[in-house]
Amino acid sequence: MDVVRLEKKLLTPFFNITHPRTDQRLSYISSKEDNQTIYNLLKKGAIDLAISNYPVKFDEVKNIADAQKTMPPKSTYIEPKLRGGMIIQKYT
């Protein structure tokens, strides 16, 4: 997976990021954002670096789940988001 390679070849050796789930230096931008928005964040100095990965294929997710392994943070980000929650209605 691209995100695993990214962690092993860039994040850990160059930035000493060993826990991407909890490292405060990492943030995630929705795939809904266009390149201009990301460019503006870089230009303003709100972020220092932006990296974009190809989406994970469903077969990759399935193979990892079948092997009872976990995937890196945000690697299973899916659009559109499925609605979740509880609906409560008053019946009279």
C-alpha atoms as a PDB file:
ATOM      1  CA  MET A   1       0.000   0.000   0.000  1.00  0.00           C
ATOM      2  CA  ASP A   2       1.169   3.506  -0.775  1.00  0.00           C
ATOM      3  CA  VAL A   3       0.578   4.752   2.774  1.00  0.00           C
ATOM      4  CA  VAL A   4       2.757   1.994   4.220  1.00  0.00           C
ATOM      5  CA  ARG A   5       5.575   2.916   1.829  1.00  0.00           C
ATOM      6  CA  LEU A   6       5.101   6.574   2.741  1.00  0.00           C
ATOM      7  CA  GLU A   7       5.496   5.781   6.433  1.00  0.00           C
ATOM      8  CA  LYS A   8       8.537   3.532   5.972  1.00  0.00           C
ATOM      9  CA  LYS A   9      10.417   5.642   3.410  1.00  0.00           C
ATOM     10  CA  LEU A  10       9.555   9.216   4.426  1.00  0.00           C
ATOM     11  CA  LEU A  11       7.642   9.809   7.639  1.00  0.00           C
ATOM     12  CA  THR A  12       9.727   7.626   9.932  1.00  0.00           C
ATOM     13  CA  PRO A  13      13.272   8.146   8.603  1.00  0.00           C
ATOM     14  CA  PHE A  14      13.046  11.878   7.805  1.00  0.00           C
ATOM     15  CA  PHE A  15      10.469  13.192  10.285  1.00  0.00           C
ATOM     16  CA  ASN A  16      10.777  10.603  13.061  1.00  0.00           C
ATOM     17  CA  ILE A  17       7.021   9.994  12.976  1.00  0.00           C
ATOM     18  CA  THR A  18       6.517   6.568  14.503  1.00  0.00           C
ATOM     19  CA  HIS A  19       2.861   6.861  15.572  1.00  0.00           C
ATOM     20  CA  PRO A  20       0.875   8.476  12.740  1.00  0.00           C
ATOM     21  CA  ARG A  21      -2.411   8.059  14.616  1.00  0.00           C
ATOM     22  CA  THR A  22      -1.277  10.303  17.454  1.00  0.00           C
ATOM     23  CA  ASP A  23       1.475  12.515  16.021  1.00  0.00           C
ATOM     24  CA  GLN A  24       0.278  16.133  16.238  1.00  0.00           C
ATOM     25  CA  ARG A  25       2.356  17.104  13.205  1.00  0.00           C
ATOM     26  CA  LEU A  26       0.078  15.130  10.893  1.00  0.00           C
ATOM     27  CA  SER A  27      -3.367  16.172   9.800  1.00  0.00           C
ATOM     28  CA  TYR A  28      -5.645  14.883   7.108  1.00  0.00           C
ATOM     29  CA  ILE A  29      -7.431  16.868   4.438  1.00  0.00           C
ATOM     30  CA  SER A  30     -10.587  15.527   2.868  1.00  0.00           C
ATOM     31  CA  SER A  31     -10.411  14.357  -0.704  1.00  0.00           C
ATOM     32  CA  LYS A  32     -13.248  16.807  -1.373  1.00  0.00           C
ATOM     33  CA  GLU A  33     -10.744  19.655  -1.170  1.00  0.00           C
ATOM     34  CA  ASP A  34      -9.417  20.775  -4.530  1.00  0.00           C
ATOM     35  CA  ASN A  35      -5.777  21.477  -5.332  1.00  0.00           C
ATOM     36  CA  GLN A  36      -6.301  25.252  -5.089  1.00  0.00           C
ATOM     37  CA  THR A  37      -7.456  24.939  -1.465  1.00  0.00           C
ATOM     38  CA  ILE A  38      -4.406  22.862  -0.599  1.00  0.00           C
ATOM     39  CA  TYR A  39      -2.152  25.322  -2.459  1.00  0.00           C
ATOM     40  CA  ASN A  40      -3.671  28.209  -0.454  1.00  0.00           C
ATOM     41  CA  LEU A  41      -2.977  26.369   2.825  1.00  0.00           C
ATOM     42  CA  LEU A  42       0.637  25.890   1.756  1.00  0.00           C
ATOM     43  CA  LYS A  43       0.982  29.524   0.637  1.00  0.00           C
ATOM     44  CA  LYS A  44      -0.415  30.856   3.945  1.00  0.00           C
ATOM     45  CA  GLY A  45       1.907  28.622   5.916  1.00  0.00           C
ATOM     46  CA  ALA A  46      -0.975  26.760   7.547  1.00  0.00           C
ATOM     47  CA  ILE A  47       0.698  23.534   6.402  1.00  0.00           C
ATOM     48  CA  ASP A  48       4.290  22.816   5.388  1.00  0.00           C
ATOM     49  CA  LEU A  49       3.830  19.813   3.133  1.00  0.00           C
ATOM     50  CA  ALA A  50       0.955  18.112   1.347  1.00  0.00           C
ATOM     51  CA  ILE A  51       1.047  14.516   0.153  1.00  0.00           C
ATOM     52  CA  SER A  52      -1.689  12.894  -1.870  1.00  0.00           C
ATOM     53  CA  ASN A  53      -2.105   9.144  -2.253  1.00  0.00           C
ATOM     54  CA  TYR A  54      -4.126   7.062  -4.647  1.00  0.00           C
ATOM     55  CA  PRO A  55      -7.302   5.627  -3.119  1.00  0.00           C
ATOM     56  CA  VAL A  56      -7.048   2.149  -1.631  1.00  0.00           C
ATOM     57  CA  LYS A  57      -8.642  -0.512  -3.798  1.00  0.00           C
ATOM     58  CA  PHE A  58     -11.416  -2.560  -2.250  1.00  0.00           C
ATOM     59  CA  ASP A  59      -9.471  -5.776  -2.926  1.00  0.00           C
ATOM     60  CA  GLU A  60      -6.599  -4.415  -0.797  1.00  0.00           C
ATOM     61  CA  VAL A  61      -8.972  -3.714   2.085  1.00  0.00           C
ATOM     62  CA  LYS A  62     -10.509  -7.172   1.730  1.00  0.00           C
ATOM     63  CA  ASN A  63      -7.113  -8.932   1.656  1.00  0.00           C
ATOM     64  CA  ILE A  64      -5.903  -7.082   4.751  1.00  0.00           C
ATOM     65  CA  ALA A  65      -9.141  -7.842   6.609  1.00  0.00           C
ATOM     66  CA  ASP A  66      -8.944 -11.508   5.598  1.00  0.00           C
ATOM     67  CA  ALA A  67      -5.390 -11.613   6.975  1.00  0.00           C
ATOM     68  CA  GLN A  68      -6.732 -10.132  10.252  1.00  0.00           C
ATOM     69  CA  LYS A  69      -4.401  -7.134   9.951  1.00  0.00           C
ATOM     70  CA  THR A  70      -5.116  -3.437  10.375  1.00  0.00           C
ATOM     71  CA  MET A  71      -4.616  -0.612   7.946  1.00  0.00           C
ATOM     72  CA  PRO A  72      -2.771   2.648   8.603  1.00  0.00           C
ATOM     73  CA  PRO A  73      -4.744   5.684   9.806  1.00  0.00           C
ATOM     74  CA  LYS A  74      -7.031   7.358   7.279  1.00  0.00           C
ATOM     75  CA  SER A  75      -6.138   4.819   4.599  1.00  0.00           C
ATOM     76  CA  THR A  76      -9.734   3.628   4.532  1.00  0.00           C
ATOM     77  CA  TYR A  77     -11.217   7.107   4.170  1.00  0.00           C
ATOM     78  CA  ILE A  78     -14.348   6.698   2.054  1.00  0.00           C
ATOM     79  CA  GLU A  79     -16.447   9.289   0.239  1.00  0.00           C
ATOM     80  CA  PRO A  80     -19.331   9.749   0.446  1.00  0.00           C
ATOM     81  CA  LYS A  81     -19.546   9.158   4.167  1.00  0.00           C
ATOM     82  CA  LEU A  82     -22.211   6.719   5.221  1.00  0.00           C
ATOM     83  CA  ARG A  83     -24.798   8.193   7.509  1.00  0.00           C
ATOM     84  CA  GLY A  84     -24.685   6.763  10.983  1.00  0.00           C
ATOM     85  CA  GLY A  85     -26.282   7.440  14.317  1.00  0.00           C
ATOM     86  CA  MET A  86     -29.477   6.795  16.132  1.00  0.00           C
ATOM     87  CA  ILE A  87     -32.893   8.052  15.112  1.00  0.00           C
ATOM     88  CA  ILE A  88     -35.394   8.610  17.877  1.00  0.00           C
ATOM     89  CA  GLN A  89     -39.024   9.242  17.104  1.00  0.00           C
ATOM     90  CA  LYS A  90     -41.872   9.808  19.491  1.00  0.00           C
ATOM     91  CA  TYR A  91     -44.752   7.436  18.892  1.00  0.00           C
ATOM     92  CA  THR A  92     -48.176   8.501  20.148  1.00  0.00           C
END
